[in-house]
Amino acid sequence: MIELVIQIVLLIVGFAILIKGSDIFVSGSSNIATILKIPTLIVGLTIVAFGTSAPEAAVSISSSIQGSNALAVSNVIGSNIFNILGIIGVCALLKELKLGENVLNKDMPFLLIVSLLVVGFILLSWDLTRIEGIVLLILIIGYTAHLVYTSKKSKGADFVEKPKFGIGRSIVYVVVGLAAIILGAQLVVNSSSYIAMACGMSETLVGLTIVAIGTSLPELVTSLTALKRDENQLVIGNVIGSNIFNILFVLGLSSTITPIPVNSNMIVDLGLMIIVTILCLIFGKTQSKFDRKEGIILLGLFILYMAFVIFRN
C-alpha cells in the first residue's frame, strides 16, 4: 500500500515536471521563432506543436525502449482523440475559432491522410515495423520542410509578438525544458505501469486515459493561453500540428527503435481516432470555424468516449 501511494505521488510529480518542462521548452522555442519572424500559424504547426507534443514523444519512446508497447501506441491514440475532442471542444466553447484556408485545405486533410496511413500499417499485420516507422519519419521531415518553405514565401503574414528575451536564454530554455520532459516521462512510464498492474488495469486503459490526458495538458494550457491572446491560428495550429507530430514522429521513432505489436482490441480506438479527425474536418469545412455548438458536441463525445474506455476495460 505504501509503495502504491509512493508511485501515485511520483506519477503526479512526473506530470508536473512534464508540464513545466514543456512550458519552458515552448517559451524558448517560440521566442527563437519570434526572433526569426516566423508566422503565427507556422509556429503553431511546428515549434509549439512539436514542443507541446514532447511529453507524448518522451513517454511513447521510453515505453517502446522498455517494452511497454501498448502504452506507446495507446498514448498517441488517446492524445490525438483528446486534442480534437477535448482541446478544440473547450476552446470553441469559450470563443469562436476561425480557420484559415491553408489549415482547411492542406493541414487538416494531411492529418486525415497520415491517420489513415498509420491505421493501414497497423491493420496489415497488427504491428508497426521498423520500415513503416522510417516511412513515417520521412513524412514528418518532408512536412516540416514544406512548412518552413511556405513560411519563407509568405508575405504580410501574421507574426507573433516581440521577443521577450535573447537567443542565448532561449537556447537555455530549450535545453532545460527537454531535460525536464525526459525526466518527467521516465517517472510517468514507470509509475503508471506499476499502478496499472497493482490495480489490475491494462496498459492500454492507462495509456488511453491517465497518460494520454496528462501528456496532452501542455497542448491544453498552450491553447487556452493563445485563446486568451486572440491567437486563434495558434490554437488550431497547435492541435493539428501536435496530432500530425504524434503520428509521424512519435510512432515513427518508437517503431523504428523497437517494432510495436498492436493489440487487435484497439481497432475501436483506431477507428474512433479516424472518425473524430473526419468530424473535425467536416466541422471546419462547413463554416470555416468552430463555434460554441460544435464545442459542446466535441466535449460531449469526449465524455462518452472516456466512459466507454473505462467501462470496456
C-alpha atoms as a PDB file:
ATOM      1  CA  MET A   1       0.000   0.000   0.000  1.00  0.00           C
ATOM      2  CA  ILE A   2       2.813   2.399   0.882  1.00  0.00           C
ATOM      3  CA  GLU A   3       4.564   1.609  -2.402  1.00  0.00           C
ATOM      4  CA  LEU A   4       1.347   2.301  -4.329  1.00  0.00           C
ATOM      5  CA  VAL A   5       0.992   5.706  -2.647  1.00  0.00           C
ATOM      6  CA  ILE A   6       4.623   6.495  -3.466  1.00  0.00           C
ATOM      7  CA  GLN A   7       4.063   5.587  -7.124  1.00  0.00           C
ATOM      8  CA  ILE A   8       0.934   7.771  -7.302  1.00  0.00           C
ATOM      9  CA  VAL A   9       2.944  10.690  -5.885  1.00  0.00           C
ATOM     10  CA  LEU A  10       5.717  10.016  -8.421  1.00  0.00           C
ATOM     11  CA  LEU A  11       3.118   9.954 -11.211  1.00  0.00           C
ATOM     12  CA  ILE A  12       1.823  13.376 -10.161  1.00  0.00           C
ATOM     13  CA  VAL A  13       5.380  14.705  -9.826  1.00  0.00           C
ATOM     14  CA  GLY A  14       6.212  13.285 -13.250  1.00  0.00           C
ATOM     15  CA  PHE A  15       3.250  15.042 -14.858  1.00  0.00           C
ATOM     16  CA  ALA A  16       4.175  18.299 -13.098  1.00  0.00           C
ATOM     17  CA  ILE A  17       7.739  18.081 -14.436  1.00  0.00           C
ATOM     18  CA  LEU A  18       6.413  17.237 -17.910  1.00  0.00           C
ATOM     19  CA  ILE A  19       4.083  20.224 -17.959  1.00  0.00           C
ATOM     20  CA  LYS A  20       6.635  22.672 -16.580  1.00  0.00           C
ATOM     21  CA  GLY A  21       9.336  21.314 -18.873  1.00  0.00           C
ATOM     22  CA  SER A  22       7.038  21.700 -21.873  1.00  0.00           C
ATOM     23  CA  ASP A  23       6.172  25.246 -20.824  1.00  0.00           C
ATOM     24  CA  ILE A  24       9.858  26.177 -20.607  1.00  0.00           C
ATOM     25  CA  PHE A  25      10.611  24.410 -23.894  1.00  0.00           C
ATOM     26  CA  VAL A  26       7.764  26.152 -25.736  1.00  0.00           C
ATOM     27  CA  SER A  27       8.740  29.550 -24.295  1.00  0.00           C
ATOM     28  CA  GLY A  28      12.304  29.154 -25.527  1.00  0.00           C
ATOM     29  CA  SER A  29      11.299  27.705 -28.896  1.00  0.00           C
ATOM     30  CA  SER A  30       8.588  30.275 -29.539  1.00  0.00           C
ATOM     31  CA  ASN A  31      10.968  33.079 -28.648  1.00  0.00           C
ATOM     32  CA  ILE A  32      13.515  31.773 -31.159  1.00  0.00           C
ATOM     33  CA  ALA A  33      10.735  31.676 -33.773  1.00  0.00           C
ATOM     34  CA  THR A  34       9.747  35.226 -32.866  1.00  0.00           C
ATOM     35  CA  ILE A  35      13.317  36.430 -33.317  1.00  0.00           C
ATOM     36  CA  LEU A  36      13.376  34.738 -36.743  1.00  0.00           C
ATOM     37  CA  LYS A  37       9.940  36.281 -37.592  1.00  0.00           C
ATOM     38  CA  ILE A  38       8.121  33.024 -38.331  1.00  0.00           C
ATOM     39  CA  PRO A  39       4.296  33.456 -38.838  1.00  0.00           C
ATOM     40  CA  THR A  40       1.943  32.509 -36.005  1.00  0.00           C
ATOM     41  CA  LEU A  41       0.294  29.604 -37.838  1.00  0.00           C
ATOM     42  CA  ILE A  42       3.664  28.092 -38.747  1.00  0.00           C
ATOM     43  CA  VAL A  43       4.796  28.478 -35.136  1.00  0.00           C
ATOM     44  CA  GLY A  44       1.654  26.634 -34.025  1.00  0.00           C
ATOM     45  CA  LEU A  45       2.060  23.844 -36.579  1.00  0.00           C
ATOM     46  CA  THR A  46       5.750  23.295 -35.868  1.00  0.00           C
ATOM     47  CA  ILE A  47       7.579  24.655 -32.829  1.00  0.00           C
ATOM     48  CA  VAL A  48       4.648  24.945 -30.420  1.00  0.00           C
ATOM     49  CA  ALA A  49       3.008  21.732 -31.671  1.00  0.00           C
ATOM     50  CA  PHE A  50       6.241  19.763 -31.520  1.00  0.00           C
ATOM     51  CA  GLY A  51       7.142  21.251 -28.155  1.00  0.00           C
ATOM     52  CA  THR A  52       3.787  20.540 -26.514  1.00  0.00           C
ATOM     53  CA  SER A  53       3.866  17.021 -28.002  1.00  0.00           C
ATOM     54  CA  ALA A  54       7.284  16.356 -26.478  1.00  0.00           C
ATOM     55  CA  PRO A  55       5.682  14.630 -23.443  1.00  0.00           C
ATOM     56  CA  GLU A  56       3.870  12.178 -25.752  1.00  0.00           C
ATOM     57  CA  ALA A  57       7.129  11.620 -27.602  1.00  0.00           C
ATOM     58  CA  ALA A  58       9.123  11.083 -24.413  1.00  0.00           C
ATOM     59  CA  VAL A  59       6.527   8.757 -22.859  1.00  0.00           C
ATOM     60  CA  SER A  60       5.963   6.679 -26.006  1.00  0.00           C
ATOM     61  CA  ILE A  61       9.651   6.383 -26.878  1.00  0.00           C
ATOM     62  CA  SER A  62      10.541   5.479 -23.282  1.00  0.00           C
ATOM     63  CA  SER A  63       7.708   2.932 -23.288  1.00  0.00           C
ATOM     64  CA  SER A  64       8.969   1.457 -26.544  1.00  0.00           C
ATOM     65  CA  ILE A  65      12.515   1.126 -25.216  1.00  0.00           C
ATOM     66  CA  GLN A  66      11.222  -0.524 -22.027  1.00  0.00           C
ATOM     67  CA  GLY A  67       8.930  -2.880 -23.920  1.00  0.00           C
ATOM     68  CA  SER A  68       5.651  -1.268 -22.820  1.00  0.00           C
ATOM     69  CA  ASN A  69       4.399  -1.188 -26.407  1.00  0.00           C
ATOM     70  CA  ALA A  70       0.695  -0.978 -25.559  1.00  0.00           C
ATOM     71  CA  LEU A  71       1.388   2.240 -23.663  1.00  0.00           C
ATOM     72  CA  ALA A  72       3.361   3.687 -26.592  1.00  0.00           C
ATOM     73  CA  VAL A  73       0.503   3.265 -29.091  1.00  0.00           C
ATOM     74  CA  SER A  74      -2.470   3.944 -26.805  1.00  0.00           C
ATOM     75  CA  ASN A  75      -0.814   7.151 -25.557  1.00  0.00           C
ATOM     76  CA  VAL A  76      -0.731   8.571 -29.090  1.00  0.00           C
ATOM     77  CA  ILE A  77      -4.255   7.446 -29.964  1.00  0.00           C
ATOM     78  CA  GLY A  78      -5.695   8.762 -26.702  1.00  0.00           C
ATOM     79  CA  SER A  79      -3.794  12.062 -27.026  1.00  0.00           C
ATOM     80  CA  ASN A  80      -4.980  12.657 -30.594  1.00  0.00           C
ATOM     81  CA  ILE A  81      -8.594  11.987 -29.637  1.00  0.00           C
ATOM     82  CA  PHE A  82      -8.287  14.274 -26.587  1.00  0.00           C
ATOM     83  CA  ASN A  83      -6.617  17.030 -28.620  1.00  0.00           C
ATOM     84  CA  ILE A  84      -9.557  17.237 -31.034  1.00  0.00           C
ATOM     85  CA  LEU A  85     -12.498  16.491 -28.761  1.00  0.00           C
ATOM     86  CA  GLY A  86     -11.158  17.985 -25.539  1.00  0.00           C
ATOM     87  CA  ILE A  87      -8.946  20.908 -26.525  1.00  0.00           C
ATOM     88  CA  ILE A  88     -10.803  22.169 -29.602  1.00  0.00           C
ATOM     89  CA  GLY A  89     -14.046  21.461 -27.743  1.00  0.00           C
ATOM     90  CA  VAL A  90     -13.077  23.573 -24.718  1.00  0.00           C
ATOM     91  CA  CYS A  91     -11.606  26.409 -26.807  1.00  0.00           C
ATOM     92  CA  ALA A  92     -14.602  26.536 -29.191  1.00  0.00           C
ATOM     93  CA  LEU A  93     -16.919  26.597 -26.191  1.00  0.00           C
ATOM     94  CA  LEU A  94     -15.095  29.654 -24.846  1.00  0.00           C
ATOM     95  CA  LYS A  95     -14.547  31.534 -28.096  1.00  0.00           C
ATOM     96  CA  GLU A  96     -15.275  31.078 -31.804  1.00  0.00           C
ATOM     97  CA  LEU A  97     -12.290  29.647 -33.659  1.00  0.00           C
ATOM     98  CA  LYS A  98     -11.912  30.867 -37.245  1.00  0.00           C
ATOM     99  CA  LEU A  99      -9.929  28.697 -39.644  1.00  0.00           C
ATOM    100  CA  GLY A 100      -7.569  29.840 -42.382  1.00  0.00           C
ATOM    101  CA  GLU A 101      -7.562  28.484 -45.915  1.00  0.00           C
ATOM    102  CA  ASN A 102      -4.244  26.637 -45.539  1.00  0.00           C
ATOM    103  CA  VAL A 103      -5.401  24.791 -42.419  1.00  0.00           C
ATOM    104  CA  LEU A 104      -8.670  23.734 -44.061  1.00  0.00           C
ATOM    105  CA  ASN A 105      -7.259  22.755 -47.446  1.00  0.00           C
ATOM    106  CA  LYS A 106      -3.808  21.446 -46.520  1.00  0.00           C
ATOM    107  CA  ASP A 107      -3.047  20.706 -42.870  1.00  0.00           C
ATOM    108  CA  MET A 108      -6.333  19.110 -41.775  1.00  0.00           C
ATOM    109  CA  PRO A 109      -6.570  16.870 -44.875  1.00  0.00           C
ATOM    110  CA  PHE A 110      -2.906  15.903 -44.365  1.00  0.00           C
ATOM    111  CA  LEU A 111      -3.704  14.909 -40.761  1.00  0.00           C
ATOM    112  CA  LEU A 112      -6.511  12.671 -42.025  1.00  0.00           C
ATOM    113  CA  ILE A 113      -4.212  11.109 -44.632  1.00  0.00           C
ATOM    114  CA  VAL A 114      -1.442  10.248 -42.151  1.00  0.00           C
ATOM    115  CA  SER A 115      -4.038   8.971 -39.653  1.00  0.00           C
ATOM    116  CA  LEU A 116      -5.424   6.612 -42.308  1.00  0.00           C
ATOM    117  CA  LEU A 117      -1.870   5.633 -43.274  1.00  0.00           C
ATOM    118  CA  VAL A 118      -0.803   4.573 -39.782  1.00  0.00           C
ATOM    119  CA  VAL A 119      -4.080   2.681 -39.232  1.00  0.00           C
ATOM    120  CA  GLY A 120      -3.477   0.954 -42.581  1.00  0.00           C
ATOM    121  CA  PHE A 121       0.040  -0.021 -41.477  1.00  0.00           C
ATOM    122  CA  ILE A 122      -1.329  -1.477 -38.238  1.00  0.00           C
ATOM    123  CA  LEU A 123      -4.124  -3.428 -39.951  1.00  0.00           C
ATOM    124  CA  LEU A 124      -1.622  -5.058 -42.330  1.00  0.00           C
ATOM    125  CA  SER A 125      -0.044  -7.179 -39.585  1.00  0.00           C
ATOM    126  CA  TRP A 126      -1.191  -5.715 -36.254  1.00  0.00           C
ATOM    127  CA  ASP A 127       2.156  -4.109 -35.646  1.00  0.00           C
ATOM    128  CA  LEU A 128       4.301  -1.167 -36.692  1.00  0.00           C
ATOM    129  CA  THR A 129       7.548  -2.341 -38.251  1.00  0.00           C
ATOM    130  CA  ARG A 130      10.864  -0.515 -38.481  1.00  0.00           C
ATOM    131  CA  ILE A 131      10.354   0.104 -42.201  1.00  0.00           C
ATOM    132  CA  GLU A 132       6.932   1.636 -41.560  1.00  0.00           C
ATOM    133  CA  GLY A 133       8.447   3.720 -38.780  1.00  0.00           C
ATOM    134  CA  ILE A 134      11.100   5.037 -41.155  1.00  0.00           C
ATOM    135  CA  VAL A 135       8.386   5.934 -43.698  1.00  0.00           C
ATOM    136  CA  LEU A 136       6.572   7.949 -41.017  1.00  0.00           C
ATOM    137  CA  LEU A 137       9.802   9.749 -40.061  1.00  0.00           C
ATOM    138  CA  ILE A 138      10.483  10.647 -43.695  1.00  0.00           C
ATOM    139  CA  LEU A 139       6.985  12.120 -43.940  1.00  0.00           C
ATOM    140  CA  ILE A 140       7.437  14.332 -40.855  1.00  0.00           C
ATOM    141  CA  ILE A 141      10.735  15.620 -42.252  1.00  0.00           C
ATOM    142  CA  GLY A 142       9.047  16.410 -45.577  1.00  0.00           C
ATOM    143  CA  TYR A 143       6.059  18.038 -43.880  1.00  0.00           C
ATOM    144  CA  THR A 144       8.245  20.233 -41.691  1.00  0.00           C
ATOM    145  CA  ALA A 145      10.417  21.226 -44.666  1.00  0.00           C
ATOM    146  CA  HIS A 146       7.276  22.182 -46.594  1.00  0.00           C
ATOM    147  CA  LEU A 147       6.067  24.391 -43.726  1.00  0.00           C
ATOM    148  CA  VAL A 148       9.439  26.128 -43.460  1.00  0.00           C
ATOM    149  CA  TYR A 149       9.464  26.718 -47.228  1.00  0.00           C
ATOM    150  CA  THR A 150       5.902  28.057 -47.062  1.00  0.00           C
ATOM    151  CA  SER A 151       6.766  30.427 -44.215  1.00  0.00           C
ATOM    152  CA  LYS A 152       9.644  31.892 -46.200  1.00  0.00           C
ATOM    153  CA  LYS A 153       7.386  32.525 -49.193  1.00  0.00           C
ATOM    154  CA  SER A 154       4.592  34.132 -47.179  1.00  0.00           C
ATOM    155  CA  LYS A 155       4.309  37.892 -47.257  1.00  0.00           C
ATOM    156  CA  GLY A 156       2.370  40.109 -44.903  1.00  0.00           C
ATOM    157  CA  ALA A 157       1.912  37.171 -42.564  1.00  0.00           C
ATOM    158  CA  ASP A 158       0.623  37.409 -39.011  1.00  0.00           C
ATOM    159  CA  PHE A 159       3.663  37.418 -36.798  1.00  0.00           C
ATOM    160  CA  VAL A 160       3.898  36.563 -33.147  1.00  0.00           C
ATOM    161  CA  GLU A 161       4.670  39.188 -30.503  1.00  0.00           C
ATOM    162  CA  LYS A 162       8.074  40.772 -29.938  1.00  0.00           C
ATOM    163  CA  PRO A 163      10.864  38.627 -28.420  1.00  0.00           C
ATOM    164  CA  LYS A 164      10.764  38.526 -24.624  1.00  0.00           C
ATOM    165  CA  PHE A 165      14.473  37.701 -24.278  1.00  0.00           C
ATOM    166  CA  GLY A 166      17.596  36.976 -26.290  1.00  0.00           C
ATOM    167  CA  ILE A 167      18.689  33.967 -28.337  1.00  0.00           C
ATOM    168  CA  GLY A 168      21.109  32.706 -25.655  1.00  0.00           C
ATOM    169  CA  ARG A 169      18.453  32.496 -22.967  1.00  0.00           C
ATOM    170  CA  SER A 170      16.070  30.928 -25.484  1.00  0.00           C
ATOM    171  CA  ILE A 171      18.530  28.107 -26.167  1.00  0.00           C
ATOM    172  CA  VAL A 172      18.968  27.512 -22.422  1.00  0.00           C
ATOM    173  CA  TYR A 173      15.175  27.276 -22.055  1.00  0.00           C
ATOM    174  CA  VAL A 174      15.008  24.714 -24.865  1.00  0.00           C
ATOM    175  CA  VAL A 175      17.749  22.518 -23.345  1.00  0.00           C
ATOM    176  CA  VAL A 176      16.399  22.704 -19.776  1.00  0.00           C
ATOM    177  CA  GLY A 177      12.851  22.113 -20.992  1.00  0.00           C
ATOM    178  CA  LEU A 178      13.834  18.998 -22.931  1.00  0.00           C
ATOM    179  CA  ALA A 179      15.762  17.624 -19.945  1.00  0.00           C
ATOM    180  CA  ALA A 180      12.706  18.119 -17.710  1.00  0.00           C
ATOM    181  CA  ILE A 181      10.471  16.461 -20.298  1.00  0.00           C
ATOM    182  CA  ILE A 182      12.695  13.380 -20.456  1.00  0.00           C
ATOM    183  CA  LEU A 183      12.866  13.091 -16.662  1.00  0.00           C
ATOM    184  CA  GLY A 184       9.126  13.582 -16.274  1.00  0.00           C
ATOM    185  CA  ALA A 185       8.397  10.997 -18.970  1.00  0.00           C
ATOM    186  CA  GLN A 186      10.541   8.420 -17.191  1.00  0.00           C
ATOM    187  CA  LEU A 187       8.611   8.950 -13.957  1.00  0.00           C
ATOM    188  CA  VAL A 188       5.263   8.743 -15.751  1.00  0.00           C
ATOM    189  CA  VAL A 189       6.093   5.500 -17.579  1.00  0.00           C
ATOM    190  CA  ASN A 190       7.458   3.734 -14.506  1.00  0.00           C
ATOM    191  CA  SER A 191       4.780   4.839 -12.040  1.00  0.00           C
ATOM    192  CA  SER A 192       1.800   4.394 -14.391  1.00  0.00           C
ATOM    193  CA  SER A 193       2.913   0.870 -15.308  1.00  0.00           C
ATOM    194  CA  TYR A 194       3.212  -0.020 -11.614  1.00  0.00           C
ATOM    195  CA  ILE A 195      -0.197   1.482 -10.783  1.00  0.00           C
ATOM    196  CA  ALA A 196      -1.792  -0.329 -13.723  1.00  0.00           C
ATOM    197  CA  MET A 197      -0.521  -3.718 -12.538  1.00  0.00           C
ATOM    198  CA  ALA A 198      -1.351  -3.020  -8.881  1.00  0.00           C
ATOM    199  CA  CYS A 199      -4.939  -2.035  -9.701  1.00  0.00           C
ATOM    200  CA  GLY A 200      -5.493  -4.732 -12.310  1.00  0.00           C
ATOM    201  CA  MET A 201      -5.711  -2.150 -15.096  1.00  0.00           C
ATOM    202  CA  SER A 202      -4.386  -2.822 -18.571  1.00  0.00           C
ATOM    203  CA  GLU A 203      -1.602  -0.729 -20.064  1.00  0.00           C
ATOM    204  CA  THR A 204      -4.000   0.171 -22.859  1.00  0.00           C
ATOM    205  CA  LEU A 205      -6.514   1.684 -20.407  1.00  0.00           C
ATOM    206  CA  VAL A 206      -3.791   3.660 -18.623  1.00  0.00           C
ATOM    207  CA  GLY A 207      -2.399   4.900 -21.938  1.00  0.00           C
ATOM    208  CA  LEU A 208      -5.801   5.940 -23.318  1.00  0.00           C
ATOM    209  CA  THR A 209      -6.821   7.818 -20.171  1.00  0.00           C
ATOM    210  CA  ILE A 210      -4.321   8.878 -17.490  1.00  0.00           C
ATOM    211  CA  VAL A 211      -1.184   9.113 -19.625  1.00  0.00           C
ATOM    212  CA  ALA A 212      -2.909  10.419 -22.782  1.00  0.00           C
ATOM    213  CA  ILE A 213      -4.719  13.248 -21.000  1.00  0.00           C
ATOM    214  CA  GLY A 214      -1.756  14.008 -18.747  1.00  0.00           C
ATOM    215  CA  THR A 215       0.704  14.354 -21.603  1.00  0.00           C
ATOM    216  CA  SER A 216      -1.815  16.481 -23.544  1.00  0.00           C
ATOM    217  CA  LEU A 217      -2.099  19.046 -20.753  1.00  0.00           C
ATOM    218  CA  PRO A 218       0.678  21.210 -22.303  1.00  0.00           C
ATOM    219  CA  GLU A 219      -1.398  21.438 -25.503  1.00  0.00           C
ATOM    220  CA  LEU A 220      -4.456  22.432 -23.473  1.00  0.00           C
ATOM    221  CA  VAL A 221      -2.607  25.074 -21.441  1.00  0.00           C
ATOM    222  CA  THR A 222      -0.882  26.476 -24.536  1.00  0.00           C
ATOM    223  CA  SER A 223      -4.155  26.598 -26.492  1.00  0.00           C
ATOM    224  CA  LEU A 224      -6.033  28.365 -23.685  1.00  0.00           C
ATOM    225  CA  THR A 225      -3.207  30.889 -23.380  1.00  0.00           C
ATOM    226  CA  ALA A 226      -3.278  31.519 -27.143  1.00  0.00           C
ATOM    227  CA  LEU A 227      -7.067  31.862 -26.999  1.00  0.00           C
ATOM    228  CA  LYS A 228      -6.756  34.483 -24.275  1.00  0.00           C
ATOM    229  CA  ARG A 229      -4.412  36.450 -26.553  1.00  0.00           C
ATOM    230  CA  ASP A 230      -6.838  36.092 -29.521  1.00  0.00           C
ATOM    231  CA  GLU A 231      -4.301  33.980 -31.417  1.00  0.00           C
ATOM    232  CA  ASN A 232      -6.837  31.512 -32.878  1.00  0.00           C
ATOM    233  CA  GLN A 233      -4.394  30.348 -35.541  1.00  0.00           C
ATOM    234  CA  LEU A 234      -2.018  29.233 -32.800  1.00  0.00           C
ATOM    235  CA  VAL A 235      -4.785  27.172 -31.158  1.00  0.00           C
ATOM    236  CA  ILE A 236      -5.730  25.286 -34.324  1.00  0.00           C
ATOM    237  CA  GLY A 237      -2.120  25.013 -35.489  1.00  0.00           C
ATOM    238  CA  ASN A 238      -1.106  23.603 -32.111  1.00  0.00           C
ATOM    239  CA  VAL A 239      -3.777  20.867 -32.149  1.00  0.00           C
ATOM    240  CA  ILE A 240      -3.432  19.850 -35.811  1.00  0.00           C
ATOM    241  CA  GLY A 241       0.366  20.055 -35.689  1.00  0.00           C
ATOM    242  CA  SER A 242       0.518  18.048 -32.451  1.00  0.00           C
ATOM    243  CA  ASN A 243      -1.627  15.260 -33.897  1.00  0.00           C
ATOM    244  CA  ILE A 244       0.492  15.089 -37.050  1.00  0.00           C
ATOM    245  CA  PHE A 245       3.666  15.066 -34.930  1.00  0.00           C
ATOM    246  CA  ASN A 246       2.266  12.331 -32.656  1.00  0.00           C
ATOM    247  CA  ILE A 247       1.555  10.029 -35.576  1.00  0.00           C
ATOM    248  CA  LEU A 248       4.579  10.660 -37.771  1.00  0.00           C
ATOM    249  CA  PHE A 249       7.367  11.382 -35.285  1.00  0.00           C
ATOM    250  CA  VAL A 250       6.265   9.701 -32.040  1.00  0.00           C
ATOM    251  CA  LEU A 251       5.011   6.458 -33.558  1.00  0.00           C
ATOM    252  CA  GLY A 252       7.623   6.650 -36.320  1.00  0.00           C
ATOM    253  CA  LEU A 253      10.591   6.916 -33.963  1.00  0.00           C
ATOM    254  CA  SER A 254       9.109   4.488 -31.416  1.00  0.00           C
ATOM    255  CA  SER A 255       8.589   1.756 -34.026  1.00  0.00           C
ATOM    256  CA  THR A 256      11.992   2.453 -35.612  1.00  0.00           C
ATOM    257  CA  ILE A 257      13.643   1.839 -32.229  1.00  0.00           C
ATOM    258  CA  THR A 258      11.548  -1.273 -31.479  1.00  0.00           C
ATOM    259  CA  PRO A 259       8.811  -2.734 -33.728  1.00  0.00           C
ATOM    260  CA  ILE A 260       5.489  -2.241 -31.935  1.00  0.00           C
ATOM    261  CA  PRO A 261       2.919  -5.059 -31.805  1.00  0.00           C
ATOM    262  CA  VAL A 262      -0.623  -3.674 -31.531  1.00  0.00           C
ATOM    263  CA  ASN A 263      -3.466  -5.451 -29.717  1.00  0.00           C
ATOM    264  CA  SER A 264      -6.406  -6.126 -32.052  1.00  0.00           C
ATOM    265  CA  ASN A 265      -8.712  -4.858 -29.288  1.00  0.00           C
ATOM    266  CA  MET A 266      -7.529  -1.343 -30.185  1.00  0.00           C
ATOM    267  CA  ILE A 267      -9.364  -1.455 -33.518  1.00  0.00           C
ATOM    268  CA  VAL A 268     -12.238   0.525 -31.976  1.00  0.00           C
ATOM    269  CA  ASP A 269      -9.899   3.252 -30.693  1.00  0.00           C
ATOM    270  CA  LEU A 270      -8.106   3.441 -34.027  1.00  0.00           C
ATOM    271  CA  GLY A 271     -11.465   3.768 -35.772  1.00  0.00           C
ATOM    272  CA  LEU A 272     -12.572   6.477 -33.354  1.00  0.00           C
ATOM    273  CA  MET A 273      -9.365   8.428 -33.984  1.00  0.00           C
ATOM    274  CA  ILE A 274     -10.185   8.415 -37.709  1.00  0.00           C
ATOM    275  CA  ILE A 275     -13.828   9.356 -37.075  1.00  0.00           C
ATOM    276  CA  VAL A 276     -13.033  12.362 -34.840  1.00  0.00           C
ATOM    277  CA  THR A 277     -10.424  13.536 -37.370  1.00  0.00           C
ATOM    278  CA  ILE A 278     -13.031  13.369 -40.150  1.00  0.00           C
ATOM    279  CA  LEU A 279     -15.547  15.114 -37.888  1.00  0.00           C
ATOM    280  CA  CYS A 280     -13.030  17.878 -37.219  1.00  0.00           C
ATOM    281  CA  LEU A 281     -12.524  18.332 -40.963  1.00  0.00           C
ATOM    282  CA  ILE A 282     -16.288  18.370 -41.640  1.00  0.00           C
ATOM    283  CA  PHE A 283     -16.934  20.954 -38.907  1.00  0.00           C
ATOM    284  CA  GLY A 284     -14.132  23.104 -40.298  1.00  0.00           C
ATOM    285  CA  LYS A 285     -15.254  22.835 -43.923  1.00  0.00           C
ATOM    286  CA  THR A 286     -18.893  23.599 -43.087  1.00  0.00           C
ATOM    287  CA  GLN A 287     -18.385  27.109 -41.728  1.00  0.00           C
ATOM    288  CA  SER A 288     -14.599  27.650 -41.766  1.00  0.00           C
ATOM    289  CA  LYS A 289     -14.803  27.891 -37.973  1.00  0.00           C
ATOM    290  CA  PHE A 290     -15.561  26.052 -34.746  1.00  0.00           C
ATOM    291  CA  ASP A 291     -18.350  27.693 -32.759  1.00  0.00           C
ATOM    292  CA  ARG A 292     -19.873  27.045 -29.317  1.00  0.00           C
ATOM    293  CA  LYS A 293     -22.389  24.499 -30.636  1.00  0.00           C
ATOM    294  CA  GLU A 294     -19.617  22.411 -32.167  1.00  0.00           C
ATOM    295  CA  GLY A 295     -17.565  22.799 -28.997  1.00  0.00           C
ATOM    296  CA  ILE A 296     -20.409  21.287 -26.955  1.00  0.00           C
ATOM    297  CA  ILE A 297     -20.704  18.390 -29.415  1.00  0.00           C
ATOM    298  CA  LEU A 298     -16.973  17.666 -29.262  1.00  0.00           C
ATOM    299  CA  LEU A 299     -16.872  17.795 -25.450  1.00  0.00           C
ATOM    300  CA  GLY A 300     -19.945  15.564 -25.230  1.00  0.00           C
ATOM    301  CA  LEU A 301     -18.303  12.997 -27.490  1.00  0.00           C
ATOM    302  CA  PHE A 302     -15.139  13.096 -25.369  1.00  0.00           C
ATOM    303  CA  ILE A 303     -17.101  12.370 -22.180  1.00  0.00           C
ATOM    304  CA  LEU A 304     -18.860   9.456 -23.903  1.00  0.00           C
ATOM    305  CA  TYR A 305     -15.528   8.113 -25.171  1.00  0.00           C
ATOM    306  CA  MET A 306     -13.931   8.246 -21.706  1.00  0.00           C
ATOM    307  CA  ALA A 307     -16.935   6.416 -20.229  1.00  0.00           C
ATOM    308  CA  PHE A 308     -16.703   3.787 -22.976  1.00  0.00           C
ATOM    309  CA  VAL A 309     -12.976   3.223 -22.447  1.00  0.00           C
ATOM    310  CA  ILE A 310     -13.302   2.900 -18.665  1.00  0.00           C
ATOM    311  CA  PHE A 311     -16.268   0.522 -18.699  1.00  0.00           C
ATOM    312  CA  ARG A 312     -14.825  -1.538 -21.571  1.00  0.00           C
ATOM    313  CA  ASN A 313     -11.656  -2.223 -19.610  1.00  0.00           C
END
